[in-house]
């Protein structure tokens, strides 16, 4: 199903060191969450996006572009996208970190299409100008195809997953673990992120394990990262999506 891209935009917040974002109302098959941030002499607009491909098929995405349309060199921007089960907070699909393949003013990455009947959320991650990998606020399809309310779901997850003082629980190695959907509420990302691998095994993944992937040379190989239990013991593997990146197809911003 061809997606119709119609957005009503709100003004983004300018920050120097972190990406915090505001929800953007949208229609039809795409939902966006936006951030404006300043790094060095270049201002970037970053978006966390969830695409509804029709019925119960979804793709999580991340997009970054320069605010003034100025070009940056290859590798100046890198992105990864995460599709999350909003009901239990577990990652369902995850791309590798994909760098900008050639000189351009924008970059976008999406997960492979994922079919599910549960409520889902799309979460993008961005790295620009050598910054740390930063999480963009999630966006979700509940307003379009789902009756579930994201705020209520996050509150329910918090009640079951967080400690009494509103923090992530800590394992025997001193690492935090839980759903990344609660990161805004807690104020930080968990060390171990809740995930369900392709065999249906529940566990945790680490963002630090996600490799940088050049789709032009890596698509022939399956990319795996470890799946851990809550104490950081490897219990399996999680297969990463390796999306095709087309930097010649300019999106309609």
C-alpha atoms as a PDB file:
ATOM      1  CA  UNK A   1       0.000   0.000   0.000  1.00  0.00           C
ATOM      2  CA  UNK A   2       1.412   3.335  -1.045  1.00  0.00           C
ATOM      3  CA  UNK A   3       1.786   5.622   1.939  1.00  0.00           C
ATOM      4  CA  UNK A   4       0.327   9.120   1.813  1.00  0.00           C
ATOM      5  CA  UNK A   5       2.601  11.556   3.539  1.00  0.00           C
ATOM      6  CA  UNK A   6       0.665  14.429   5.043  1.00  0.00           C
ATOM      7  CA  UNK A   7       1.956  16.044   8.201  1.00  0.00           C
ATOM      8  CA  UNK A   8       0.999  18.990  10.384  1.00  0.00           C
ATOM      9  CA  UNK A   9       4.167  20.282  11.983  1.00  0.00           C
ATOM     10  CA  UNK A  10       4.903  21.845  15.350  1.00  0.00           C
ATOM     11  CA  UNK A  11       7.930  23.887  16.282  1.00  0.00           C
ATOM     12  CA  UNK A  12      10.801  21.761  17.578  1.00  0.00           C
ATOM     13  CA  UNK A  13      12.912  22.510  20.641  1.00  0.00           C
ATOM     14  CA  UNK A  14      16.552  23.517  20.169  1.00  0.00           C
ATOM     15  CA  UNK A  15      19.054  21.810  22.440  1.00  0.00           C
ATOM     16  CA  UNK A  16      22.856  21.749  22.455  1.00  0.00           C
ATOM     17  CA  UNK A  17      23.776  18.421  24.017  1.00  0.00           C
ATOM     18  CA  UNK A  18      20.694  16.216  23.995  1.00  0.00           C
ATOM     19  CA  UNK A  19      17.790  15.329  21.732  1.00  0.00           C
ATOM     20  CA  UNK A  20      14.370  15.842  23.341  1.00  0.00           C
ATOM     21  CA  UNK A  21      11.345  15.814  21.088  1.00  0.00           C
ATOM     22  CA  UNK A  22       7.706  16.740  20.684  1.00  0.00           C
ATOM     23  CA  UNK A  23       4.976  14.651  19.096  1.00  0.00           C
ATOM     24  CA  UNK A  24       3.794  15.740  15.653  1.00  0.00           C
ATOM     25  CA  UNK A  25       0.226  15.158  14.530  1.00  0.00           C
ATOM     26  CA  UNK A  26      -0.039  13.265  11.268  1.00  0.00           C
ATOM     27  CA  UNK A  27      -2.503  11.424   9.103  1.00  0.00           C
ATOM     28  CA  UNK A  28      -2.755   8.168   7.192  1.00  0.00           C
ATOM     29  CA  UNK A  29       0.155   5.759   7.230  1.00  0.00           C
ATOM     30  CA  UNK A  30       3.005   7.521   9.025  1.00  0.00           C
ATOM     31  CA  UNK A  31       3.675   8.925  12.490  1.00  0.00           C
ATOM     32  CA  UNK A  32       6.546  11.214  13.386  1.00  0.00           C
ATOM     33  CA  UNK A  33       8.268  12.498  16.470  1.00  0.00           C
ATOM     34  CA  UNK A  34      10.644  15.413  15.900  1.00  0.00           C
ATOM     35  CA  UNK A  35      13.693  17.032  17.401  1.00  0.00           C
ATOM     36  CA  UNK A  36      15.798  19.997  16.489  1.00  0.00           C
ATOM     37  CA  UNK A  37      19.317  20.007  17.860  1.00  0.00           C
ATOM     38  CA  UNK A  38      22.465  22.039  17.277  1.00  0.00           C
ATOM     39  CA  UNK A  39      25.880  20.413  16.887  1.00  0.00           C
ATOM     40  CA  UNK A  40      28.878  22.517  16.021  1.00  0.00           C
ATOM     41  CA  UNK A  41      27.902  24.803  13.164  1.00  0.00           C
ATOM     42  CA  UNK A  42      25.181  22.571  11.727  1.00  0.00           C
ATOM     43  CA  UNK A  43      21.563  22.293  12.857  1.00  0.00           C
ATOM     44  CA  UNK A  44      19.838  18.931  12.359  1.00  0.00           C
ATOM     45  CA  UNK A  45      16.205  17.849  12.376  1.00  0.00           C
ATOM     46  CA  UNK A  46      15.777  14.279  13.614  1.00  0.00           C
ATOM     47  CA  UNK A  47      12.646  12.168  13.372  1.00  0.00           C
ATOM     48  CA  UNK A  48      11.524   8.904  14.912  1.00  0.00           C
ATOM     49  CA  UNK A  49       8.921   7.384  12.598  1.00  0.00           C
ATOM     50  CA  UNK A  50       6.490   4.480  12.467  1.00  0.00           C
ATOM     51  CA  UNK A  51       5.207   3.440   9.040  1.00  0.00           C
ATOM     52  CA  UNK A  52       1.922   1.586   8.643  1.00  0.00           C
ATOM     53  CA  UNK A  53       2.286  -0.405   5.439  1.00  0.00           C
ATOM     54  CA  UNK A  54      -1.295  -1.624   5.523  1.00  0.00           C
ATOM     55  CA  UNK A  55      -3.273  -3.910   7.800  1.00  0.00           C
ATOM     56  CA  UNK A  56      -0.999  -5.223  10.541  1.00  0.00           C
ATOM     57  CA  UNK A  57       2.371  -4.584   8.879  1.00  0.00           C
ATOM     58  CA  UNK A  58       4.715  -1.958  10.314  1.00  0.00           C
ATOM     59  CA  UNK A  59       8.210  -0.526   9.901  1.00  0.00           C
ATOM     60  CA  UNK A  60      10.066   1.600  12.440  1.00  0.00           C
ATOM     61  CA  UNK A  61      12.243   4.347  11.021  1.00  0.00           C
ATOM     62  CA  UNK A  62      14.664   7.153  11.785  1.00  0.00           C
ATOM     63  CA  UNK A  63      15.403  10.228   9.672  1.00  0.00           C
ATOM     64  CA  UNK A  64      17.908  13.062  10.075  1.00  0.00           C
ATOM     65  CA  UNK A  65      18.433  16.047   7.798  1.00  0.00           C
ATOM     66  CA  UNK A  66      20.229  19.362   8.002  1.00  0.00           C
ATOM     67  CA  UNK A  67      17.843  22.198   8.807  1.00  0.00           C
ATOM     68  CA  UNK A  68      19.047  24.463   6.009  1.00  0.00           C
ATOM     69  CA  UNK A  69      19.579  21.799   3.358  1.00  0.00           C
ATOM     70  CA  UNK A  70      23.364  22.024   3.492  1.00  0.00           C
ATOM     71  CA  UNK A  71      25.233  18.870   2.502  1.00  0.00           C
ATOM     72  CA  UNK A  72      27.405  16.871   4.888  1.00  0.00           C
ATOM     73  CA  UNK A  73      29.959  14.209   4.065  1.00  0.00           C
ATOM     74  CA  UNK A  74      29.429  10.461   4.053  1.00  0.00           C
ATOM     75  CA  UNK A  75      29.444   9.024   7.545  1.00  0.00           C
ATOM     76  CA  UNK A  76      28.620  12.364   9.202  1.00  0.00           C
ATOM     77  CA  UNK A  77      25.214  10.970  10.165  1.00  0.00           C
ATOM     78  CA  UNK A  78      24.338   7.425  11.174  1.00  0.00           C
ATOM     79  CA  UNK A  79      20.979   5.983  12.183  1.00  0.00           C
ATOM     80  CA  UNK A  80      19.330   2.875  13.496  1.00  0.00           C
ATOM     81  CA  UNK A  81      15.658   2.011  13.928  1.00  0.00           C
ATOM     82  CA  UNK A  82      13.851  -0.109  16.526  1.00  0.00           C
ATOM     83  CA  UNK A  83      10.345  -1.609  16.390  1.00  0.00           C
ATOM     84  CA  UNK A  84       8.916  -2.301  19.851  1.00  0.00           C
ATOM     85  CA  UNK A  85       5.955  -4.281  21.176  1.00  0.00           C
ATOM     86  CA  UNK A  86       4.166  -1.525  23.087  1.00  0.00           C
ATOM     87  CA  UNK A  87       2.228  -4.038  25.183  1.00  0.00           C
ATOM     88  CA  UNK A  88       5.239  -5.602  26.906  1.00  0.00           C
ATOM     89  CA  UNK A  89       8.018  -3.149  25.973  1.00  0.00           C
ATOM     90  CA  UNK A  90      10.181  -5.673  24.102  1.00  0.00           C
ATOM     91  CA  UNK A  91      12.151  -4.916  20.945  1.00  0.00           C
ATOM     92  CA  UNK A  92      10.761  -6.877  17.995  1.00  0.00           C
ATOM     93  CA  UNK A  93      13.037  -5.659  15.201  1.00  0.00           C
ATOM     94  CA  UNK A  94      16.299  -3.740  15.170  1.00  0.00           C
ATOM     95  CA  UNK A  95      18.541  -2.469  12.405  1.00  0.00           C
ATOM     96  CA  UNK A  96      22.287  -2.151  12.618  1.00  0.00           C
ATOM     97  CA  UNK A  97      23.736   1.350  12.799  1.00  0.00           C
ATOM     98  CA  UNK A  98      23.701   2.579   9.204  1.00  0.00           C
ATOM     99  CA  UNK A  99      26.005   5.498   8.239  1.00  0.00           C
ATOM    100  CA  UNK A 100      25.183   8.047   5.567  1.00  0.00           C
ATOM    101  CA  UNK A 101      26.535   6.307   2.445  1.00  0.00           C
ATOM    102  CA  UNK A 102      27.417   9.420   0.423  1.00  0.00           C
ATOM    103  CA  UNK A 103      27.476  13.195   0.648  1.00  0.00           C
ATOM    104  CA  UNK A 104      23.921  14.429   1.204  1.00  0.00           C
ATOM    105  CA  UNK A 105      21.704  16.593   3.404  1.00  0.00           C
ATOM    106  CA  UNK A 106      19.456  13.784   4.678  1.00  0.00           C
ATOM    107  CA  UNK A 107      19.609  10.172   5.783  1.00  0.00           C
ATOM    108  CA  UNK A 108      16.851   7.692   6.646  1.00  0.00           C
ATOM    109  CA  UNK A 109      16.687   4.066   7.751  1.00  0.00           C
ATOM    110  CA  UNK A 110      13.774   1.703   8.415  1.00  0.00           C
ATOM    111  CA  UNK A 111      13.415  -1.805   9.748  1.00  0.00           C
ATOM    112  CA  UNK A 112      12.150  -4.586   7.519  1.00  0.00           C
ATOM    113  CA  UNK A 113       8.329  -4.903   7.432  1.00  0.00           C
ATOM    114  CA  UNK A 114       7.023  -6.683  10.529  1.00  0.00           C
ATOM    115  CA  UNK A 115       3.561  -8.234  10.799  1.00  0.00           C
ATOM    116  CA  UNK A 116       1.920  -8.125  14.215  1.00  0.00           C
ATOM    117  CA  UNK A 117      -1.519  -7.667  15.750  1.00  0.00           C
ATOM    118  CA  UNK A 118      -0.209  -6.018  18.903  1.00  0.00           C
ATOM    119  CA  UNK A 119       0.267  -2.303  19.526  1.00  0.00           C
ATOM    120  CA  UNK A 120       3.690  -1.209  18.357  1.00  0.00           C
ATOM    121  CA  UNK A 121       6.041   1.747  18.720  1.00  0.00           C
ATOM    122  CA  UNK A 122       8.807   2.979  16.437  1.00  0.00           C
ATOM    123  CA  UNK A 123      12.003   4.280  17.981  1.00  0.00           C
ATOM    124  CA  UNK A 124      14.836   5.930  16.091  1.00  0.00           C
ATOM    125  CA  UNK A 125      18.439   6.464  17.181  1.00  0.00           C
ATOM    126  CA  UNK A 126      20.804   9.065  15.720  1.00  0.00           C
ATOM    127  CA  UNK A 127      24.497   9.889  15.772  1.00  0.00           C
ATOM    128  CA  UNK A 128      25.594  13.158  14.153  1.00  0.00           C
ATOM    129  CA  UNK A 129      28.991  14.814  13.958  1.00  0.00           C
ATOM    130  CA  UNK A 130      30.588  12.139  16.118  1.00  0.00           C
ATOM    131  CA  UNK A 131      28.111  12.491  18.989  1.00  0.00           C
ATOM    132  CA  UNK A 132      27.023   9.619  21.187  1.00  0.00           C
ATOM    133  CA  UNK A 133      24.180   7.503  19.815  1.00  0.00           C
ATOM    134  CA  UNK A 134      21.016   9.278  20.921  1.00  0.00           C
ATOM    135  CA  UNK A 135      17.519   7.897  21.341  1.00  0.00           C
ATOM    136  CA  UNK A 136      14.685   9.802  19.704  1.00  0.00           C
ATOM    137  CA  UNK A 137      11.316   9.737  21.413  1.00  0.00           C
ATOM    138  CA  UNK A 138       9.114   6.885  20.267  1.00  0.00           C
ATOM    139  CA  UNK A 139       6.020   7.245  18.098  1.00  0.00           C
ATOM    140  CA  UNK A 140       3.178   4.737  17.891  1.00  0.00           C
ATOM    141  CA  UNK A 141       0.207   3.607  15.819  1.00  0.00           C
ATOM    142  CA  UNK A 142      -2.395   3.515  18.581  1.00  0.00           C
ATOM    143  CA  UNK A 143      -4.186   6.576  17.195  1.00  0.00           C
ATOM    144  CA  UNK A 144      -4.496   4.981  13.773  1.00  0.00           C
ATOM    145  CA  UNK A 145      -5.178   1.248  14.056  1.00  0.00           C
ATOM    146  CA  UNK A 146      -5.048   0.487  17.755  1.00  0.00           C
ATOM    147  CA  UNK A 147      -7.391   1.314  20.600  1.00  0.00           C
ATOM    148  CA  UNK A 148      -4.535   1.135  23.099  1.00  0.00           C
ATOM    149  CA  UNK A 149      -3.296   4.392  24.578  1.00  0.00           C
ATOM    150  CA  UNK A 150       0.498   4.708  24.622  1.00  0.00           C
ATOM    151  CA  UNK A 151       0.597   6.796  27.790  1.00  0.00           C
ATOM    152  CA  UNK A 152      -1.514   4.197  29.574  1.00  0.00           C
ATOM    153  CA  UNK A 153       0.657   1.373  28.230  1.00  0.00           C
ATOM    154  CA  UNK A 154       3.846   3.067  29.399  1.00  0.00           C
ATOM    155  CA  UNK A 155       2.292   3.649  32.825  1.00  0.00           C
ATOM    156  CA  UNK A 156       1.329  -0.026  33.035  1.00  0.00           C
ATOM    157  CA  UNK A 157       4.845  -1.074  32.006  1.00  0.00           C
ATOM    158  CA  UNK A 158       6.324   1.220  34.630  1.00  0.00           C
ATOM    159  CA  UNK A 159       4.217  -0.344  37.371  1.00  0.00           C
ATOM    160  CA  UNK A 160       5.410  -3.831  36.483  1.00  0.00           C
ATOM    161  CA  UNK A 161       9.023  -3.133  35.474  1.00  0.00           C
ATOM    162  CA  UNK A 162      10.361  -0.249  37.558  1.00  0.00           C
ATOM    163  CA  UNK A 163      11.352  -0.150  41.191  1.00  0.00           C
ATOM    164  CA  UNK A 164       9.331   1.738  43.801  1.00  0.00           C
ATOM    165  CA  UNK A 165      11.494   4.832  43.301  1.00  0.00           C
ATOM    166  CA  UNK A 166      10.873   4.833  39.537  1.00  0.00           C
ATOM    167  CA  UNK A 167      14.232   3.464  38.404  1.00  0.00           C
ATOM    168  CA  UNK A 168      15.218   0.391  36.427  1.00  0.00           C
ATOM    169  CA  UNK A 169      16.013  -2.705  38.502  1.00  0.00           C
ATOM    170  CA  UNK A 170      19.691  -3.621  38.801  1.00  0.00           C
ATOM    171  CA  UNK A 171      21.154  -7.080  38.162  1.00  0.00           C
ATOM    172  CA  UNK A 172      23.935  -8.880  40.012  1.00  0.00           C
ATOM    173  CA  UNK A 173      26.559  -7.123  37.869  1.00  0.00           C
ATOM    174  CA  UNK A 174      25.204  -3.670  38.705  1.00  0.00           C
ATOM    175  CA  UNK A 175      23.580  -3.198  35.286  1.00  0.00           C
ATOM    176  CA  UNK A 176      20.089  -1.816  34.791  1.00  0.00           C
ATOM    177  CA  UNK A 177      17.558  -3.713  32.709  1.00  0.00           C
ATOM    178  CA  UNK A 178      14.062  -3.099  31.321  1.00  0.00           C
ATOM    179  CA  UNK A 179      12.109  -1.629  28.433  1.00  0.00           C
ATOM    180  CA  UNK A 180      13.581   1.294  26.505  1.00  0.00           C
ATOM    181  CA  UNK A 181      10.014   2.676  26.274  1.00  0.00           C
ATOM    182  CA  UNK A 182      10.466   3.737  29.908  1.00  0.00           C
ATOM    183  CA  UNK A 183      13.712   5.632  29.297  1.00  0.00           C
ATOM    184  CA  UNK A 184      12.072   9.073  29.181  1.00  0.00           C
ATOM    185  CA  UNK A 185      10.289   8.344  32.456  1.00  0.00           C
ATOM    186  CA  UNK A 186      13.429   7.041  34.165  1.00  0.00           C
ATOM    187  CA  UNK A 187      15.756   9.617  32.613  1.00  0.00           C
ATOM    188  CA  UNK A 188      18.231   7.176  31.080  1.00  0.00           C
ATOM    189  CA  UNK A 189      18.436   4.133  28.834  1.00  0.00           C
ATOM    190  CA  UNK A 190      18.716   0.720  30.498  1.00  0.00           C
ATOM    191  CA  UNK A 191      22.008  -1.144  30.059  1.00  0.00           C
ATOM    192  CA  UNK A 192      20.058  -4.236  29.008  1.00  0.00           C
ATOM    193  CA  UNK A 193      17.048  -3.533  26.752  1.00  0.00           C
ATOM    194  CA  UNK A 194      14.066  -5.896  26.751  1.00  0.00           C
ATOM    195  CA  UNK A 195      13.820  -7.818  23.476  1.00  0.00           C
ATOM    196  CA  UNK A 196      12.182 -10.878  21.929  1.00  0.00           C
ATOM    197  CA  UNK A 197      14.235 -12.624  19.278  1.00  0.00           C
ATOM    198  CA  UNK A 198      13.031 -14.220  16.050  1.00  0.00           C
ATOM    199  CA  UNK A 199      12.482 -17.569  17.796  1.00  0.00           C
ATOM    200  CA  UNK A 200      10.200 -15.970  20.391  1.00  0.00           C
ATOM    201  CA  UNK A 201      12.773 -16.091  23.206  1.00  0.00           C
ATOM    202  CA  UNK A 202      12.480 -13.185  25.655  1.00  0.00           C
ATOM    203  CA  UNK A 203      15.663 -11.572  26.897  1.00  0.00           C
ATOM    204  CA  UNK A 204      17.719  -8.411  26.571  1.00  0.00           C
ATOM    205  CA  UNK A 205      20.032  -6.763  24.048  1.00  0.00           C
ATOM    206  CA  UNK A 206      22.691  -4.068  24.396  1.00  0.00           C
ATOM    207  CA  UNK A 207      22.884  -1.012  22.166  1.00  0.00           C
ATOM    208  CA  UNK A 208      26.676  -1.256  22.469  1.00  0.00           C
ATOM    209  CA  UNK A 209      26.542  -4.611  20.656  1.00  0.00           C
ATOM    210  CA  UNK A 210      24.804  -3.178  17.593  1.00  0.00           C
ATOM    211  CA  UNK A 211      27.430  -2.939  14.833  1.00  0.00           C
ATOM    212  CA  UNK A 212      27.884  -0.269  12.204  1.00  0.00           C
ATOM    213  CA  UNK A 213      26.796  -1.820   8.924  1.00  0.00           C
ATOM    214  CA  UNK A 214      27.457  -0.740   5.360  1.00  0.00           C
ATOM    215  CA  UNK A 215      24.422  -2.129   3.488  1.00  0.00           C
ATOM    216  CA  UNK A 216      26.332  -2.026   0.197  1.00  0.00           C
ATOM    217  CA  UNK A 217      28.715  -4.750   1.369  1.00  0.00           C
ATOM    218  CA  UNK A 218      26.971  -6.452   4.306  1.00  0.00           C
ATOM    219  CA  UNK A 219      23.510  -7.422   3.072  1.00  0.00           C
ATOM    220  CA  UNK A 220      24.642 -10.910   2.062  1.00  0.00           C
ATOM    221  CA  UNK A 221      25.580 -11.796   5.632  1.00  0.00           C
ATOM    222  CA  UNK A 222      23.155 -12.280   8.507  1.00  0.00           C
ATOM    223  CA  UNK A 223      24.088  -9.977  11.368  1.00  0.00           C
ATOM    224  CA  UNK A 224      23.519 -11.296  14.892  1.00  0.00           C
ATOM    225  CA  UNK A 225      23.971  -9.750  18.329  1.00  0.00           C
ATOM    226  CA  UNK A 226      23.797 -11.598  21.667  1.00  0.00           C
ATOM    227  CA  UNK A 227      20.533 -12.053  23.545  1.00  0.00           C
ATOM    228  CA  UNK A 228      21.083 -11.942  27.317  1.00  0.00           C
ATOM    229  CA  UNK A 229      19.155 -12.820  30.439  1.00  0.00           C
ATOM    230  CA  UNK A 230      18.663 -10.153  33.106  1.00  0.00           C
ATOM    231  CA  UNK A 231      22.063 -10.913  34.631  1.00  0.00           C
ATOM    232  CA  UNK A 232      23.935 -10.463  31.365  1.00  0.00           C
ATOM    233  CA  UNK A 233      24.396 -14.144  30.529  1.00  0.00           C
ATOM    234  CA  UNK A 234      24.107 -15.007  26.833  1.00  0.00           C
ATOM    235  CA  UNK A 235      21.015 -17.145  26.182  1.00  0.00           C
ATOM    236  CA  UNK A 236      20.733 -16.818  22.410  1.00  0.00           C
ATOM    237  CA  UNK A 237      21.029 -14.341  19.575  1.00  0.00           C
ATOM    238  CA  UNK A 238      19.017 -11.551  18.001  1.00  0.00           C
ATOM    239  CA  UNK A 239      19.047 -11.081  14.223  1.00  0.00           C
ATOM    240  CA  UNK A 240      19.391  -7.513  12.961  1.00  0.00           C
ATOM    241  CA  UNK A 241      17.557  -6.105   9.977  1.00  0.00           C
ATOM    242  CA  UNK A 242      19.869  -4.772   7.261  1.00  0.00           C
ATOM    243  CA  UNK A 243      17.725  -2.347   5.251  1.00  0.00           C
ATOM    244  CA  UNK A 244      18.491  -1.043   1.819  1.00  0.00           C
ATOM    245  CA  UNK A 245      19.497   2.622   1.973  1.00  0.00           C
ATOM    246  CA  UNK A 246      18.630   4.812  -1.019  1.00  0.00           C
ATOM    247  CA  UNK A 247      20.225   8.228  -0.593  1.00  0.00           C
ATOM    248  CA  UNK A 248      19.085   9.277  -4.078  1.00  0.00           C
ATOM    249  CA  UNK A 249      15.369   9.122  -3.234  1.00  0.00           C
ATOM    250  CA  UNK A 250      14.773  12.504  -1.635  1.00  0.00           C
ATOM    251  CA  UNK A 251      11.939  12.338   0.909  1.00  0.00           C
ATOM    252  CA  UNK A 252       9.139  14.905   0.940  1.00  0.00           C
ATOM    253  CA  UNK A 253       9.907  16.963   4.036  1.00  0.00           C
END
